[in-house]
Structures are given as structure tokens and as C-alpha cells.
Amino acid sequence: YGVAALMRIQATSGSPAIMLTEVGGDAVTWDLFYSPSAGTFGIGQDGVSTSFVIEDNIAEEAMRIDSSGNVGIGTTSPLGELDVRDIGTNSIAHIISSTFNNQVGYGPEIWFVKSHNDDGTTLTTTLDTELLGRLSFYGVDSGSNQDIGAIIDVVQDGAAGASVPTTMNLRTYSSTGGNTDQ
């Protein structure tokens, strides 16, 4: 759109907002707001936080952030912090980490970081036998239940020093139970 704006909303005090109000009926008000001081953009119904949704040009939902903060891509009902789905025949959900550079020692990474605290901000030394990360692979059993097929666990194996000693365990499952440390 360049320098010109198709529509501009400006507030001389407070935060700029668009309010959509139903006349009559339930008189529900939706707010689309931006708060420069808080650095937030949001959507709310009568001041209550609801989902933030992005749709494509034919009004099909492409992404949702629900009121719990869960992000859904390809789903309207995310089951965790990030839920990526590709639904349909011959579908594959891709989560891609790509690096384009001309360096030998730099490639794409996915990090699992475990800190031994629950405040969400402080890095605290992890302990011997602490689970540092897990990759779980699920299938659907004959009773239409989601069941575990295999697990890869990384567990701390000793006291942390300049590095963290670990072991990696692979568990697979058969129809009669788990097979550990493959």
C-alpha cells in the first residue's frame, strides 16, 4: 500500500481501537485494538480475550491463537502450545527448519531447553536423572484411541559441569507392551 493508507485509526489518548457493536439483540461488542505502550495487538469480545484468527482469501481459517495462548495451524482446536495439522488424503504436516549459508559448521537446529525451575525466566542447573527432552510418536489403535508407538528420551546422567552428561533411550512398543533401551 506504500505511504498512503486505505484507512487510518488514530487515538489522541489511550490505544487506537475499532469497535464493532451489534445493534439490538445481544448487543455484543468486539474490539480490535493496538496498545503501543504494551506492544500488543488483540481482539476481544466485550473486553474478554478470545481467539485471534487468520483466514485466507476464501475465509478458510489458516491459523488460530486461542484464549489459552495455544497456536493452531491447520486446526481450529489446538491441543497444545503449538498444534500443526495437515488433514486429508496423502497429507503430511511439515515443520521445517532451514538454513541457507556457505558455512560448514552452521545448519538448522531445533532446541529443547530444560531448566530446573518453574518461573519461566531463570536458567537453573538441571539434576542427575532429570528428563531433558522427549520425542514421542503416536498412532491410533484398533479401538480408535491415540496410543504411543515409540519414545526417545534424553536424560541427564550425572552432575552438570561445563557440559551436561546425558543418555539417550529409545522405547518401542508392541501389542503386548513396551520394549525399552533399544
C-alpha atoms as a PDB file:
ATOM      1  CA  TYR A   1       0.000   0.000   0.000  1.00  0.00           C
ATOM      2  CA  GLY A   2       3.030   2.287   0.073  1.00  0.00           C
ATOM      3  CA  VAL A   3       2.872   5.547   2.003  1.00  0.00           C
ATOM      4  CA  ALA A   4      -0.856   6.117   1.522  1.00  0.00           C
ATOM      5  CA  ALA A   5      -3.253   4.336   3.869  1.00  0.00           C
ATOM      6  CA  LEU A   6      -6.656   2.979   2.888  1.00  0.00           C
ATOM      7  CA  MET A   7      -7.945   3.561   6.415  1.00  0.00           C
ATOM      8  CA  ARG A   8      -6.317   5.148   9.410  1.00  0.00           C
ATOM      9  CA  ILE A   9      -7.433   4.966  13.036  1.00  0.00           C
ATOM     10  CA  GLN A  10      -5.774   7.324  15.450  1.00  0.00           C
ATOM     11  CA  ALA A  11      -6.323   7.956  19.135  1.00  0.00           C
ATOM     12  CA  THR A  12      -5.173  11.162  20.820  1.00  0.00           C
ATOM     13  CA  SER A  13      -5.017   9.307  24.149  1.00  0.00           C
ATOM     14  CA  GLY A  14      -5.235   5.668  25.107  1.00  0.00           C
ATOM     15  CA  SER A  15      -4.978   2.957  22.469  1.00  0.00           C
ATOM     16  CA  PRO A  16      -6.391   3.084  18.934  1.00  0.00           C
ATOM     17  CA  ALA A  17      -9.265   0.629  18.521  1.00  0.00           C
ATOM     18  CA  ILE A  18     -12.026  -0.457  16.191  1.00  0.00           C
ATOM     19  CA  MET A  19     -15.232  -1.353  17.985  1.00  0.00           C
ATOM     20  CA  LEU A  20     -17.845  -3.460  16.197  1.00  0.00           C
ATOM     21  CA  THR A  21     -21.148  -3.383  18.060  1.00  0.00           C
ATOM     22  CA  GLU A  22     -24.341  -5.283  17.284  1.00  0.00           C
ATOM     23  CA  VAL A  23     -27.359  -3.024  17.466  1.00  0.00           C
ATOM     24  CA  GLY A  24     -30.255  -4.736  19.231  1.00  0.00           C
ATOM     25  CA  GLY A  25     -30.169  -8.437  20.029  1.00  0.00           C
ATOM     26  CA  ASP A  26     -27.414  -9.301  22.496  1.00  0.00           C
ATOM     27  CA  ALA A  27     -25.553  -6.003  21.879  1.00  0.00           C
ATOM     28  CA  VAL A  28     -22.173  -7.760  21.718  1.00  0.00           C
ATOM     29  CA  THR A  29     -19.130  -5.536  21.199  1.00  0.00           C
ATOM     30  CA  TRP A  30     -15.944  -6.745  19.526  1.00  0.00           C
ATOM     31  CA  ASP A  31     -12.751  -4.712  19.895  1.00  0.00           C
ATOM     32  CA  LEU A  32      -9.775  -4.788  17.547  1.00  0.00           C
ATOM     33  CA  PHE A  33      -7.097  -2.855  19.373  1.00  0.00           C
ATOM     34  CA  TYR A  34      -3.427  -1.949  19.383  1.00  0.00           C
ATOM     35  CA  SER A  35      -1.586  -0.832  22.503  1.00  0.00           C
ATOM     36  CA  PRO A  36       1.750   0.783  21.601  1.00  0.00           C
ATOM     37  CA  SER A  37       2.813   1.068  25.263  1.00  0.00           C
ATOM     38  CA  ALA A  38       2.249  -2.660  25.885  1.00  0.00           C
ATOM     39  CA  GLY A  39       3.327  -3.689  22.387  1.00  0.00           C
ATOM     40  CA  THR A  40       0.168  -5.753  21.965  1.00  0.00           C
ATOM     41  CA  PHE A  41      -2.404  -6.264  19.232  1.00  0.00           C
ATOM     42  CA  GLY A  42      -5.569  -8.039  20.172  1.00  0.00           C
ATOM     43  CA  ILE A  43      -9.156  -8.998  19.602  1.00  0.00           C
ATOM     44  CA  GLY A  44     -11.665  -9.104  22.429  1.00  0.00           C
ATOM     45  CA  GLN A  45     -15.394  -9.505  22.951  1.00  0.00           C
ATOM     46  CA  ASP A  46     -16.817  -7.044  25.474  1.00  0.00           C
ATOM     47  CA  GLY A  47     -13.322  -6.742  26.958  1.00  0.00           C
ATOM     48  CA  VAL A  48     -12.851 -10.530  27.257  1.00  0.00           C
ATOM     49  CA  SER A  49      -9.925 -12.148  25.440  1.00  0.00           C
ATOM     50  CA  THR A  50     -10.954 -14.566  22.701  1.00  0.00           C
ATOM     51  CA  SER A  51      -9.243 -16.265  19.774  1.00  0.00           C
ATOM     52  CA  PHE A  52      -7.133 -14.449  17.208  1.00  0.00           C
ATOM     53  CA  VAL A  53      -7.721 -15.949  13.764  1.00  0.00           C
ATOM     54  CA  ILE A  54      -6.038 -15.515  10.383  1.00  0.00           C
ATOM     55  CA  GLU A  55      -8.021 -16.574   7.319  1.00  0.00           C
ATOM     56  CA  ASP A  56      -7.050 -16.967   3.674  1.00  0.00           C
ATOM     57  CA  ASN A  57      -8.784 -15.190   0.812  1.00  0.00           C
ATOM     58  CA  ILE A  58     -11.700 -17.655   0.777  1.00  0.00           C
ATOM     59  CA  ALA A  59     -12.389 -17.315   4.510  1.00  0.00           C
ATOM     60  CA  GLU A  60     -10.838 -20.636   5.497  1.00  0.00           C
ATOM     61  CA  GLU A  61      -9.008 -20.486   8.780  1.00  0.00           C
ATOM     62  CA  ALA A  62      -5.236 -20.743   8.343  1.00  0.00           C
ATOM     63  CA  MET A  63      -4.050 -20.065  11.906  1.00  0.00           C
ATOM     64  CA  ARG A  64      -5.591 -19.536  15.333  1.00  0.00           C
ATOM     65  CA  ILE A  65      -4.282 -18.364  18.683  1.00  0.00           C
ATOM     66  CA  ASP A  66      -6.893 -19.358  21.242  1.00  0.00           C
ATOM     67  CA  SER A  67      -7.675 -17.681  24.565  1.00  0.00           C
ATOM     68  CA  SER A  68      -5.224 -20.054  26.329  1.00  0.00           C
ATOM     69  CA  GLY A  69      -2.390 -18.957  24.018  1.00  0.00           C
ATOM     70  CA  ASN A  70      -2.330 -22.245  22.084  1.00  0.00           C
ATOM     71  CA  VAL A  71      -1.442 -21.825  18.397  1.00  0.00           C
ATOM     72  CA  GLY A  72      -3.204 -23.954  15.817  1.00  0.00           C
ATOM     73  CA  ILE A  73      -2.070 -24.157  12.200  1.00  0.00           C
ATOM     74  CA  GLY A  74      -4.480 -26.228  10.130  1.00  0.00           C
ATOM     75  CA  THR A  75      -6.782 -26.744  13.128  1.00  0.00           C
ATOM     76  CA  THR A  76      -9.439 -24.672  14.872  1.00  0.00           C
ATOM     77  CA  SER A  77      -8.897 -26.566  18.162  1.00  0.00           C
ATOM     78  CA  PRO A  78      -5.176 -26.667  19.056  1.00  0.00           C
ATOM     79  CA  LEU A  79      -4.431 -29.349  21.675  1.00  0.00           C
ATOM     80  CA  GLY A  80      -1.140 -27.852  22.890  1.00  0.00           C
ATOM     81  CA  GLU A  81       1.083 -24.799  22.744  1.00  0.00           C
ATOM     82  CA  LEU A  82       1.716 -25.492  19.027  1.00  0.00           C
ATOM     83  CA  ASP A  83      -0.530 -27.855  17.069  1.00  0.00           C
ATOM     84  CA  VAL A  84       0.280 -28.238  13.343  1.00  0.00           C
ATOM     85  CA  ARG A  85      -2.021 -30.392  11.197  1.00  0.00           C
ATOM     86  CA  ASP A  86      -2.421 -31.214   7.526  1.00  0.00           C
ATOM     87  CA  ILE A  87      -5.692 -33.063   7.092  1.00  0.00           C
ATOM     88  CA  GLY A  88      -6.699 -35.106   4.053  1.00  0.00           C
ATOM     89  CA  THR A  89      -5.648 -37.945   1.784  1.00  0.00           C
ATOM     90  CA  ASN A  90      -1.871 -38.043   1.204  1.00  0.00           C
ATOM     91  CA  SER A  91      -1.322 -35.198   3.679  1.00  0.00           C
ATOM     92  CA  ILE A  92       1.930 -34.613   5.564  1.00  0.00           C
ATOM     93  CA  ALA A  93       2.377 -31.955   8.253  1.00  0.00           C
ATOM     94  CA  HIS A  94       5.785 -30.359   7.761  1.00  0.00           C
ATOM     95  CA  ILE A  95       7.660 -28.431  10.421  1.00  0.00           C
ATOM     96  CA  ILE A  96      10.765 -27.161   8.671  1.00  0.00           C
ATOM     97  CA  SER A  97      13.920 -25.557   9.989  1.00  0.00           C
ATOM     98  CA  SER A  98      16.053 -24.375   7.059  1.00  0.00           C
ATOM     99  CA  THR A  99      19.433 -22.708   6.965  1.00  0.00           C
ATOM    100  CA  PHE A 100      20.948 -21.181   3.842  1.00  0.00           C
ATOM    101  CA  ASN A 101      24.598 -20.213   4.254  1.00  0.00           C
ATOM    102  CA  ASN A 102      28.043 -21.078   2.949  1.00  0.00           C
ATOM    103  CA  GLN A 103      29.482 -22.138   6.322  1.00  0.00           C
ATOM    104  CA  VAL A 104      30.467 -25.724   7.171  1.00  0.00           C
ATOM    105  CA  GLY A 105      29.550 -25.607  10.880  1.00  0.00           C
ATOM    106  CA  TYR A 106      26.137 -23.975  10.729  1.00  0.00           C
ATOM    107  CA  GLY A 107      22.946 -25.872   9.986  1.00  0.00           C
ATOM    108  CA  PRO A 108      19.293 -25.867  11.062  1.00  0.00           C
ATOM    109  CA  GLU A 109      18.587 -26.618  14.707  1.00  0.00           C
ATOM    110  CA  ILE A 110      15.622 -27.438  16.886  1.00  0.00           C
ATOM    111  CA  TRP A 111      16.287 -26.776  20.562  1.00  0.00           C
ATOM    112  CA  PHE A 112      14.800 -28.490  23.602  1.00  0.00           C
ATOM    113  CA  VAL A 113      15.856 -26.500  26.707  1.00  0.00           C
ATOM    114  CA  LYS A 114      15.146 -27.780  30.242  1.00  0.00           C
ATOM    115  CA  SER A 115      15.741 -25.618  33.324  1.00  0.00           C
ATOM    116  CA  HIS A 116      15.169 -26.950  36.851  1.00  0.00           C
ATOM    117  CA  ASN A 117      12.660 -24.289  37.951  1.00  0.00           C
ATOM    118  CA  ASP A 118       9.149 -23.189  37.181  1.00  0.00           C
ATOM    119  CA  ASP A 119       9.405 -19.396  36.985  1.00  0.00           C
ATOM    120  CA  GLY A 120       9.806 -19.322  33.186  1.00  0.00           C
ATOM    121  CA  THR A 121      12.721 -16.880  33.165  1.00  0.00           C
ATOM    122  CA  THR A 122      15.661 -18.187  35.228  1.00  0.00           C
ATOM    123  CA  LEU A 123      18.090 -20.818  33.947  1.00  0.00           C
ATOM    124  CA  THR A 124      18.745 -23.226  36.839  1.00  0.00           C
ATOM    125  CA  THR A 125      21.160 -26.185  36.740  1.00  0.00           C
ATOM    126  CA  THR A 126      19.449 -29.450  35.847  1.00  0.00           C
ATOM    127  CA  LEU A 127      19.905 -32.509  38.064  1.00  0.00           C
ATOM    128  CA  ASP A 128      21.087 -36.081  37.628  1.00  0.00           C
ATOM    129  CA  THR A 129      18.290 -38.327  36.217  1.00  0.00           C
ATOM    130  CA  GLU A 130      16.248 -35.304  35.048  1.00  0.00           C
ATOM    131  CA  LEU A 131      14.396 -35.720  31.738  1.00  0.00           C
ATOM    132  CA  LEU A 132      15.846 -33.087  29.360  1.00  0.00           C
ATOM    133  CA  GLY A 133      13.652 -33.804  26.345  1.00  0.00           C
ATOM    134  CA  ARG A 134      11.361 -36.314  24.694  1.00  0.00           C
ATOM    135  CA  LEU A 135      10.185 -37.102  21.196  1.00  0.00           C
ATOM    136  CA  SER A 136       7.025 -39.196  21.176  1.00  0.00           C
ATOM    137  CA  PHE A 137       5.488 -40.971  18.199  1.00  0.00           C
ATOM    138  CA  TYR A 138       1.792 -41.901  18.314  1.00  0.00           C
ATOM    139  CA  GLY A 139      -0.586 -43.967  16.228  1.00  0.00           C
ATOM    140  CA  VAL A 140      -4.242 -44.895  16.539  1.00  0.00           C
ATOM    141  CA  ASP A 141      -5.096 -48.358  17.846  1.00  0.00           C
ATOM    142  CA  SER A 142      -7.950 -50.669  16.806  1.00  0.00           C
ATOM    143  CA  GLY A 143     -10.231 -49.017  19.398  1.00  0.00           C
ATOM    144  CA  SER A 144      -9.690 -45.552  17.791  1.00  0.00           C
ATOM    145  CA  ASN A 145      -7.535 -44.443  20.729  1.00  0.00           C
ATOM    146  CA  GLN A 146      -4.347 -42.437  20.327  1.00  0.00           C
ATOM    147  CA  ASP A 147      -1.559 -44.681  21.649  1.00  0.00           C
ATOM    148  CA  ILE A 148       2.203 -44.430  21.937  1.00  0.00           C
ATOM    149  CA  GLY A 149       4.326 -46.197  19.341  1.00  0.00           C
ATOM    150  CA  ALA A 150       7.843 -45.097  20.330  1.00  0.00           C
ATOM    151  CA  ILE A 151       9.610 -42.644  22.646  1.00  0.00           C
ATOM    152  CA  ILE A 152      13.094 -41.147  22.509  1.00  0.00           C
ATOM    153  CA  ASP A 153      14.136 -39.742  25.907  1.00  0.00           C
ATOM    154  CA  VAL A 154      17.258 -37.737  26.713  1.00  0.00           C
ATOM    155  CA  VAL A 155      18.043 -37.985  30.435  1.00  0.00           C
ATOM    156  CA  GLN A 156      20.792 -36.290  32.410  1.00  0.00           C
ATOM    157  CA  ASP A 157      23.333 -38.878  33.549  1.00  0.00           C
ATOM    158  CA  GLY A 158      25.445 -37.268  36.287  1.00  0.00           C
ATOM    159  CA  ALA A 159      26.073 -33.795  37.659  1.00  0.00           C
ATOM    160  CA  ALA A 160      26.149 -30.864  35.262  1.00  0.00           C
ATOM    161  CA  GLY A 161      29.529 -29.175  34.908  1.00  0.00           C
ATOM    162  CA  ALA A 162      30.857 -27.305  31.879  1.00  0.00           C
ATOM    163  CA  SER A 163      28.539 -29.596  29.898  1.00  0.00           C
ATOM    164  CA  VAL A 164      25.579 -31.810  30.743  1.00  0.00           C
ATOM    165  CA  PRO A 165      26.194 -35.596  30.633  1.00  0.00           C
ATOM    166  CA  THR A 166      23.281 -37.467  29.080  1.00  0.00           C
ATOM    167  CA  THR A 167      21.987 -40.808  27.931  1.00  0.00           C
ATOM    168  CA  MET A 168      19.500 -41.316  25.118  1.00  0.00           C
ATOM    169  CA  ASN A 169      16.916 -44.057  25.438  1.00  0.00           C
ATOM    170  CA  LEU A 170      14.657 -45.460  22.733  1.00  0.00           C
ATOM    171  CA  ARG A 171      11.486 -47.265  23.753  1.00  0.00           C
ATOM    172  CA  THR A 172       9.325 -49.024  21.199  1.00  0.00           C
ATOM    173  CA  TYR A 173       6.017 -50.752  21.809  1.00  0.00           C
ATOM    174  CA  SER A 174       4.416 -53.943  20.568  1.00  0.00           C
ATOM    175  CA  SER A 175       0.855 -55.155  21.023  1.00  0.00           C
ATOM    176  CA  THR A 176       1.858 -56.608  24.418  1.00  0.00           C
ATOM    177  CA  GLY A 177       3.780 -53.650  25.901  1.00  0.00           C
ATOM    178  CA  GLY A 178       6.947 -51.602  25.853  1.00  0.00           C
ATOM    179  CA  ASN A 179      10.441 -52.612  24.774  1.00  0.00           C
ATOM    180  CA  THR A 180      12.969 -50.335  26.474  1.00  0.00           C
ATOM    181  CA  ASP A 181      16.502 -49.185  25.659  1.00  0.00           C
ATOM    182  CA  GLN A 182      16.634 -50.313  22.054  1.00  0.00           C
END
